[in-house]
Amino acid sequence: MNAIKVTIGQSKTKPFINIYFNKFRFRFWNGKVINVDIKSNENPELLKAAFELKIREGWRPELKKKVVKNIPITVVQALYQGVETKIAQGCSNRFIKDAKRIIKLWKDYESEHHKKKLTLDELKLSDIKAFLIRSNWSSKTQRTVKSTLSPLLSEFKPNLVNTVKLKKPISSMHKPFVGIKDVLLEVKDYNTNLHLCCLLTYGCLLRPHREIRELTWGDFSEDLRHIHLSGHRNKSGRNRIVPVHSYIREYLVKGESKHNIFSGRSQPFNEDYFKTLWSRFKRQSKHIEYRQTLYSFRHTGAIEIYQRTGSLTKLQKAMGHSSINVSLTYLRGLEIGDLKEEDMPILFF
């Protein structure tokens, strides 16, 4: 009896039996558990004695097993977990931002289609199709949303999103510049930061909205003749060393190693900084034509390299492409000299 104790407790309305056993407390309002038809409010002393007798005979109260209900996880909860996983994996801020936007878009979808709190068990391929394939979304937007949604749900519904087949978007080329010098002079008069961005896009073939925008003086060599980009800083995922031509170096004034070359601080300008500058510049420009963008400087630089060297290998290295086929896309529409007789196969006898 040392490890077990029986007392009579009192609630606001009626008495009950208290049993303390192995540091746990058990309360009983009747004797059903010991097969005795006595209620605590009728005769608490007798019920207490009945419990004590049963305890002497070897009976012991048992802890009730908690029944854990498997609450089905919702799609929104899965998306939030997917985002947390990607943050832990060190994904880029840009991807995390896009992933959080997917959650908002999915919530809007559930609300519009009266499917709030849709669970993963209820999620069907038709839901994914309806979410992705929209008349107000271009083929490119649909594929972008799909590529962001898929890794978020891969832990819960592997390959479900990838099962949806989307139309291949019609790629539109960034139209290259013909009078590149005139364009650069016009940009220089408009904004010095935008001018330097355009020079680096053309002369170093870097991408403006991340690779160039995030450049620090520490990415440059001491003599400013090279830019060193680590794999996580560029689209190819590989370390790159990019030569810097003298016509670009004349606009470079080296600052503190950790400072951004445009903002002069440790933090770069926001993601839309150059996009906004370019949009404003276009509206008052006399040289910019339809389909000419910041990336047109990169395309123009790629064409210049190929026309001057005739080497696809050099072009591929300069662009930082993993495949020569990607580099070839920059030469679409470029008129390449006709074949000559001596270029044709020779028959040996």
Protein backbone atom coordinates (compact mmCIF):
# COMPACT_ATOMS: atom_id res chain seq x y z
CA MET A 1 0.00 0.00 0.00
CA ASN A 2 3.05 2.29 0.24
CA ALA A 3 3.07 3.09 -3.47
CA ILE A 4 -0.69 3.61 -3.68
CA LYS A 5 -3.05 5.87 -1.77
CA VAL A 6 -6.83 6.13 -1.77
CA THR A 7 -8.72 9.24 -0.59
CA ILE A 8 -12.06 10.90 -1.03
CA GLY A 9 -12.01 14.13 -3.00
CA GLN A 10 -14.69 16.73 -3.33
CA SER A 11 -15.72 18.59 -6.49
CA LYS A 12 -18.19 21.48 -6.58
CA THR A 13 -21.15 19.13 -7.03
CA LYS A 14 -20.20 15.70 -5.66
CA PRO A 15 -17.47 13.62 -4.05
CA PHE A 16 -15.16 11.29 -5.97
CA ILE A 17 -12.46 8.74 -5.26
CA ASN A 18 -8.82 9.81 -5.55
CA ILE A 19 -6.20 7.13 -6.18
CA TYR A 20 -2.50 8.12 -6.27
CA PHE A 21 -0.34 5.49 -7.90
CA ASN A 22 3.19 5.76 -9.35
CA LYS A 23 3.08 9.58 -9.23
CA PHE A 24 -0.17 9.63 -11.19
CA ARG A 25 -3.59 10.67 -9.95
CA PHE A 26 -6.75 8.78 -10.93
CA ARG A 27 -10.29 9.99 -10.21
CA PHE A 28 -13.40 7.78 -10.12
CA TRP A 29 -17.08 8.77 -9.67
CA ASN A 30 -18.34 5.16 -9.59
CA GLY A 31 -17.10 1.59 -9.22
CA LYS A 32 -17.61 0.33 -12.78
CA VAL A 33 -13.87 -0.10 -13.31
CA ILE A 34 -13.78 -2.65 -10.45
CA ASN A 35 -17.18 -4.18 -11.25
CA VAL A 36 -18.92 -2.62 -8.27
CA ASP A 37 -22.30 -0.89 -8.65
CA ILE A 38 -21.67 2.00 -6.28
CA LYS A 39 -21.71 5.71 -7.09
CA SER A 40 -19.47 8.15 -5.24
CA ASN A 41 -22.29 10.61 -4.52
CA GLU A 42 -24.37 7.81 -2.93
CA ASN A 43 -21.79 6.36 -0.54
CA PRO A 44 -18.21 7.64 -0.98
CA GLU A 45 -16.90 5.80 2.12
CA LEU A 46 -18.20 2.46 0.88
CA LEU A 47 -16.81 3.06 -2.62
CA LYS A 48 -13.44 3.98 -1.09
CA ALA A 49 -13.41 0.76 0.87
CA ALA A 50 -14.29 -1.23 -2.27
CA PHE A 51 -11.33 0.27 -4.13
CA GLU A 52 -8.99 -0.47 -1.19
CA LEU A 53 -10.15 -4.10 -1.19
CA LYS A 54 -9.54 -4.46 -4.93
CA ILE A 55 -6.07 -2.95 -4.49
CA ARG A 56 -5.25 -5.54 -1.81
CA GLU A 57 -6.36 -8.23 -4.25
CA GLY A 58 -3.90 -6.91 -6.83
CA TRP A 59 -5.94 -4.52 -8.94
CA ARG A 60 -4.16 -1.40 -10.17
CA PRO A 61 -5.51 1.60 -12.09
CA GLU A 62 -4.32 1.90 -15.67
CA LEU A 63 -3.46 5.04 -17.58
CA LYS A 64 -5.85 5.71 -20.41
CA LYS A 65 -4.15 5.47 -23.74
CA LYS A 66 -4.42 8.71 -25.62
CA VAL A 67 -5.87 8.22 -29.05
CA VAL A 68 -3.91 10.42 -31.41
CA LYS A 69 -5.99 11.31 -34.39
CA ASN A 70 -4.15 11.60 -37.66
CA ILE A 71 -5.25 15.01 -38.81
CA PRO A 72 -4.73 15.18 -42.58
CA ILE A 73 -2.26 17.83 -43.67
CA THR A 74 -3.58 20.54 -45.94
CA VAL A 75 -1.94 21.64 -49.19
CA VAL A 76 -1.23 25.06 -47.68
CA GLN A 77 0.50 23.47 -44.67
CA ALA A 78 2.56 21.30 -47.02
CA LEU A 79 3.60 24.38 -49.02
CA TYR A 80 4.69 26.18 -45.85
CA GLN A 81 6.72 23.13 -44.81
CA GLY A 82 8.21 22.99 -48.29
CA VAL A 83 9.34 26.62 -47.99
CA GLU A 84 10.92 25.94 -44.58
CA THR A 85 12.79 22.98 -46.06
CA LYS A 86 14.13 25.10 -48.91
CA ILE A 87 15.24 27.82 -46.48
CA ALA A 88 17.12 25.19 -44.44
CA GLN A 89 18.73 23.92 -47.64
CA GLY A 90 20.09 27.41 -48.33
CA CYS A 91 18.07 28.21 -51.44
CA SER A 92 18.40 31.70 -52.87
CA ASN A 93 16.33 34.59 -51.54
CA ARG A 94 14.80 34.93 -54.99
CA PHE A 95 13.50 31.33 -54.92
CA ILE A 96 12.15 31.73 -51.38
CA LYS A 97 10.36 34.93 -52.42
CA ASP A 98 8.82 33.14 -55.42
CA ALA A 99 7.89 30.16 -53.23
CA LYS A 100 6.04 32.37 -50.74
CA ARG A 101 4.20 33.96 -53.65
CA ILE A 102 3.09 30.46 -54.72
CA ILE A 103 1.45 30.00 -51.30
CA LYS A 104 -0.55 33.20 -51.76
CA LEU A 105 -1.57 32.16 -55.28
CA TRP A 106 -2.66 28.73 -54.02
CA LYS A 107 -4.74 30.28 -51.22
CA ASP A 108 -6.42 32.49 -53.82
CA TYR A 109 -7.08 29.42 -55.96
CA GLU A 110 -8.70 27.53 -53.07
CA SER A 111 -10.85 30.54 -52.21
CA GLU A 112 -12.00 31.11 -55.80
CA HIS A 113 -12.84 27.41 -56.29
CA HIS A 114 -14.44 26.96 -52.85
CA LYS A 115 -11.81 24.42 -51.78
CA LYS A 116 -10.47 25.99 -48.61
CA LYS A 117 -8.37 23.67 -46.40
CA LEU A 118 -7.93 21.21 -49.26
CA THR A 119 -5.93 18.28 -47.88
CA LEU A 120 -3.13 16.41 -49.61
CA ASP A 121 -5.33 13.31 -49.67
CA GLU A 122 -7.98 15.27 -51.55
CA LEU A 123 -5.51 16.92 -53.92
CA LYS A 124 -5.98 15.70 -57.48
CA LEU A 125 -4.16 16.18 -60.76
CA SER A 126 -7.12 18.24 -61.96
CA ASP A 127 -6.45 20.75 -59.15
CA ILE A 128 -2.84 21.18 -60.25
CA LYS A 129 -3.94 21.64 -63.87
CA ALA A 130 -6.57 24.21 -62.95
CA PHE A 131 -4.05 26.07 -60.81
CA LEU A 132 -1.34 26.18 -63.50
CA ILE A 133 -3.23 26.47 -66.77
CA ARG A 134 -4.89 29.87 -66.83
CA SER A 135 -5.91 32.04 -69.74
CA ASN A 136 -4.41 35.14 -68.13
CA TRP A 137 -1.01 33.44 -67.65
CA SER A 138 1.46 33.11 -70.50
CA SER A 139 3.08 29.75 -71.23
CA LYS A 140 6.30 31.06 -69.70
CA THR A 141 4.52 32.12 -66.49
CA GLN A 142 2.81 28.74 -66.21
CA ARG A 143 6.13 26.92 -66.53
CA THR A 144 7.79 29.25 -64.02
CA VAL A 145 5.05 28.66 -61.45
CA LYS A 146 5.21 24.92 -62.09
CA SER A 147 9.00 24.82 -61.56
CA THR A 148 8.56 26.59 -58.21
CA LEU A 149 5.53 24.58 -57.03
CA SER A 150 7.01 21.16 -57.84
CA PRO A 151 9.92 21.14 -55.32
CA LEU A 152 7.63 22.47 -52.58
CA LEU A 153 5.30 19.46 -52.87
CA SER A 154 7.91 16.85 -53.85
CA GLU A 155 8.20 15.55 -50.26
CA PHE A 156 4.46 14.93 -50.05
CA LYS A 157 3.31 14.34 -53.64
CA PRO A 158 6.38 13.39 -55.67
CA ASN A 159 5.99 13.85 -59.43
CA LEU A 160 2.34 14.97 -59.20
CA VAL A 161 3.08 18.49 -60.41
CA ASN A 162 5.52 17.27 -63.06
CA THR A 163 2.78 15.07 -64.52
CA VAL A 164 1.04 18.20 -65.84
CA LYS A 165 2.11 18.89 -69.41
CA LEU A 166 2.30 22.54 -70.40
CA LYS A 167 2.70 24.20 -73.76
CA LYS A 168 6.23 25.14 -74.63
CA PRO A 169 6.52 28.94 -74.58
CA ILE A 170 7.45 30.74 -77.75
CA SER A 171 10.83 32.22 -76.96
CA SER A 172 11.32 35.84 -77.84
CA MET A 173 14.83 37.06 -78.48
CA HIS A 174 16.20 40.20 -76.90
CA LYS A 175 16.87 42.21 -80.01
CA PRO A 176 20.59 43.13 -80.31
CA PHE A 177 21.77 46.69 -80.84
CA VAL A 178 23.21 47.89 -84.12
CA GLY A 179 24.73 51.18 -82.96
CA ILE A 180 25.91 50.01 -79.54
CA LYS A 181 28.14 53.07 -78.95
CA ASP A 182 25.32 55.54 -79.51
CA VAL A 183 23.09 53.62 -77.11
CA LEU A 184 25.79 53.51 -74.43
CA LEU A 185 26.45 57.25 -74.76
CA GLU A 186 22.75 57.96 -74.37
CA VAL A 187 22.59 55.72 -71.27
CA LYS A 188 25.68 57.45 -69.83
CA ASP A 189 23.98 60.83 -70.07
CA TYR A 190 20.91 59.42 -68.34
CA ASN A 191 22.37 57.53 -65.34
CA THR A 192 25.93 56.49 -64.43
CA ASN A 193 24.89 53.33 -62.56
CA LEU A 194 22.74 52.15 -65.46
CA HIS A 195 25.60 52.96 -67.85
CA LEU A 196 28.07 50.84 -65.85
CA CYS A 197 25.52 48.01 -65.69
CA CYS A 198 25.09 48.12 -69.49
CA LEU A 199 28.88 48.15 -69.99
CA LEU A 200 29.32 45.09 -67.76
CA THR A 201 26.41 43.30 -69.44
CA TYR A 202 27.91 43.92 -72.88
CA GLY A 203 31.64 43.75 -72.13
CA CYS A 204 31.69 41.01 -69.46
CA LEU A 205 28.53 39.19 -70.59
CA LEU A 206 27.19 39.09 -67.04
CA ARG A 207 23.50 39.05 -66.25
CA PRO A 208 22.30 42.45 -65.02
CA HIS A 209 19.63 41.75 -62.44
CA ARG A 210 21.65 39.57 -60.09
CA GLU A 211 25.23 38.91 -61.18
CA ILE A 212 25.94 42.58 -61.88
CA ARG A 213 23.59 44.17 -59.34
CA GLU A 214 25.19 42.19 -56.48
CA LEU A 215 28.83 42.84 -57.46
CA THR A 216 31.13 44.03 -54.68
CA TRP A 217 34.63 45.46 -55.02
CA GLY A 218 35.87 42.24 -53.44
CA ASP A 219 34.70 40.38 -56.56
CA PHE A 220 37.32 42.29 -58.58
CA SER A 221 41.04 41.62 -58.68
CA GLU A 222 43.32 44.29 -57.23
CA ASP A 223 44.08 45.68 -60.70
CA LEU A 224 40.37 45.53 -61.67
CA ARG A 225 41.23 43.35 -64.66
CA HIS A 226 39.14 40.36 -63.60
CA ILE A 227 35.87 39.56 -61.85
CA HIS A 228 35.71 36.41 -59.72
CA LEU A 229 32.23 34.94 -59.30
CA SER A 230 31.64 31.92 -57.08
CA GLY A 231 29.21 29.20 -58.15
CA HIS A 232 26.31 30.38 -55.96
CA ARG A 233 26.54 33.85 -57.50
CA ASN A 234 25.86 32.91 -61.11
CA LYS A 235 23.25 30.95 -63.01
CA SER A 236 25.61 28.18 -64.21
CA GLY A 237 26.51 27.24 -60.62
CA ARG A 238 30.22 27.15 -61.44
CA ASN A 239 33.05 29.44 -60.40
CA ARG A 240 33.85 31.98 -63.11
CA ILE A 241 36.71 34.37 -63.80
CA VAL A 242 35.66 37.11 -66.24
CA PRO A 243 38.13 39.52 -67.89
CA VAL A 244 37.31 43.24 -67.60
CA HIS A 245 38.19 45.33 -70.66
CA SER A 246 39.95 48.70 -70.37
CA TYR A 247 36.90 50.64 -71.67
CA ILE A 248 35.04 49.37 -68.58
CA ARG A 249 37.91 49.88 -66.12
CA GLU A 250 38.01 53.60 -66.82
CA TYR A 251 34.63 53.87 -65.07
CA LEU A 252 35.66 51.79 -62.04
CA VAL A 253 36.87 53.46 -58.86
CA LYS A 254 37.68 50.73 -56.36
CA GLY A 255 35.98 51.03 -52.97
CA GLU A 256 35.87 48.93 -49.82
CA SER A 257 35.97 45.19 -50.44
CA LYS A 258 32.54 44.37 -48.97
CA HIS A 259 30.77 47.36 -50.48
CA ASN A 260 28.46 46.99 -53.46
CA ILE A 261 29.89 48.76 -56.53
CA PHE A 262 26.62 50.62 -57.17
CA SER A 263 25.17 51.37 -53.72
CA GLY A 264 28.49 51.97 -51.96
CA ARG A 265 27.13 49.99 -49.01
CA SER A 266 27.25 46.37 -47.88
CA GLN A 267 23.73 45.84 -49.27
CA PRO A 268 22.96 46.05 -53.00
CA PHE A 269 20.03 47.97 -54.43
CA ASN A 270 16.69 46.14 -54.57
CA GLU A 271 15.98 43.47 -57.18
CA ASP A 272 14.01 45.85 -59.42
CA TYR A 273 16.59 48.64 -59.34
CA PHE A 274 17.97 48.26 -62.88
CA LYS A 275 14.63 47.10 -64.26
CA THR A 276 13.04 50.36 -63.07
CA LEU A 277 15.93 52.49 -64.34
CA TRP A 278 15.79 50.83 -67.76
CA SER A 279 12.01 51.27 -68.03
CA ARG A 280 12.32 54.98 -67.32
CA PHE A 281 15.24 55.34 -69.70
CA LYS A 282 13.36 53.60 -72.53
CA ARG A 283 10.50 56.07 -72.35
CA GLN A 284 12.75 59.00 -73.19
CA SER A 285 15.32 57.22 -75.39
CA LYS A 286 15.76 58.01 -79.08
CA HIS A 287 17.68 54.82 -79.84
CA ILE A 288 15.89 51.95 -78.10
CA GLU A 289 13.72 49.81 -80.36
CA TYR A 290 10.98 47.26 -79.71
CA ARG A 291 12.23 44.10 -77.90
CA GLN A 292 15.51 45.75 -76.90
CA THR A 293 16.13 45.21 -73.20
CA LEU A 294 19.02 45.23 -70.75
CA TYR A 295 19.73 41.65 -71.88
CA SER A 296 20.14 42.96 -75.43
CA PHE A 297 23.59 44.20 -74.37
CA ARG A 298 24.50 40.61 -73.50
CA HIS A 299 23.18 39.31 -76.81
CA THR A 300 25.02 42.05 -78.70
CA GLY A 301 28.24 41.15 -76.90
CA ALA A 302 27.79 37.46 -77.73
CA ILE A 303 27.33 38.22 -81.43
CA GLU A 304 30.39 40.51 -81.42
CA ILE A 305 32.58 37.75 -79.94
CA TYR A 306 31.43 35.17 -82.48
CA GLN A 307 31.76 37.49 -85.47
CA ARG A 308 35.28 38.46 -84.41
CA THR A 309 36.59 35.04 -83.34
CA GLY A 310 34.37 32.59 -85.24
CA SER A 311 34.71 30.28 -82.22
CA LEU A 312 31.68 28.77 -80.53
CA THR A 313 33.94 27.38 -77.80
CA LYS A 314 35.18 30.86 -76.88
CA LEU A 315 31.63 32.15 -76.97
CA GLN A 316 30.48 29.37 -74.65
CA LYS A 317 33.26 30.13 -72.14
CA ALA A 318 32.61 33.87 -72.28
CA MET A 319 28.89 33.36 -71.66
CA GLY A 320 29.47 30.84 -68.87
CA HIS A 321 27.14 28.30 -70.48
CA SER A 322 27.27 24.62 -69.59
CA SER A 323 26.23 23.64 -73.10
CA ILE A 324 27.26 24.99 -76.48
CA ASN A 325 23.63 24.58 -77.59
CA VAL A 326 22.63 27.35 -75.18
CA SER A 327 25.28 29.63 -76.65
CA LEU A 328 23.93 28.93 -80.13
CA THR A 329 20.57 30.43 -79.19
CA TYR A 330 22.28 33.82 -78.94
CA LEU A 331 23.23 33.60 -82.62
CA ARG A 332 19.75 32.97 -83.98
CA GLY A 333 19.03 35.28 -86.88
CA LEU A 334 22.71 36.07 -87.34
CA GLU A 335 23.70 35.80 -90.98
CA ILE A 336 26.68 33.49 -91.23
CA GLY A 337 28.75 33.49 -94.41
CA ASP A 338 27.76 31.09 -97.18
CA LEU A 339 29.65 27.85 -97.69
CA LYS A 340 32.40 27.85 -100.29
CA GLU A 341 33.32 25.03 -102.65
CA GLU A 342 36.42 24.17 -100.63
CA ASP A 343 34.29 23.76 -97.52
CA MET A 344 32.38 20.86 -99.08
CA PRO A 345 33.37 17.15 -98.67
CA ILE A 346 36.28 15.99 -100.86
CA LEU A 347 36.25 12.64 -102.63
CA PHE A 348 39.57 10.81 -102.38
CA PHE A 349 40.57 8.29 -105.08
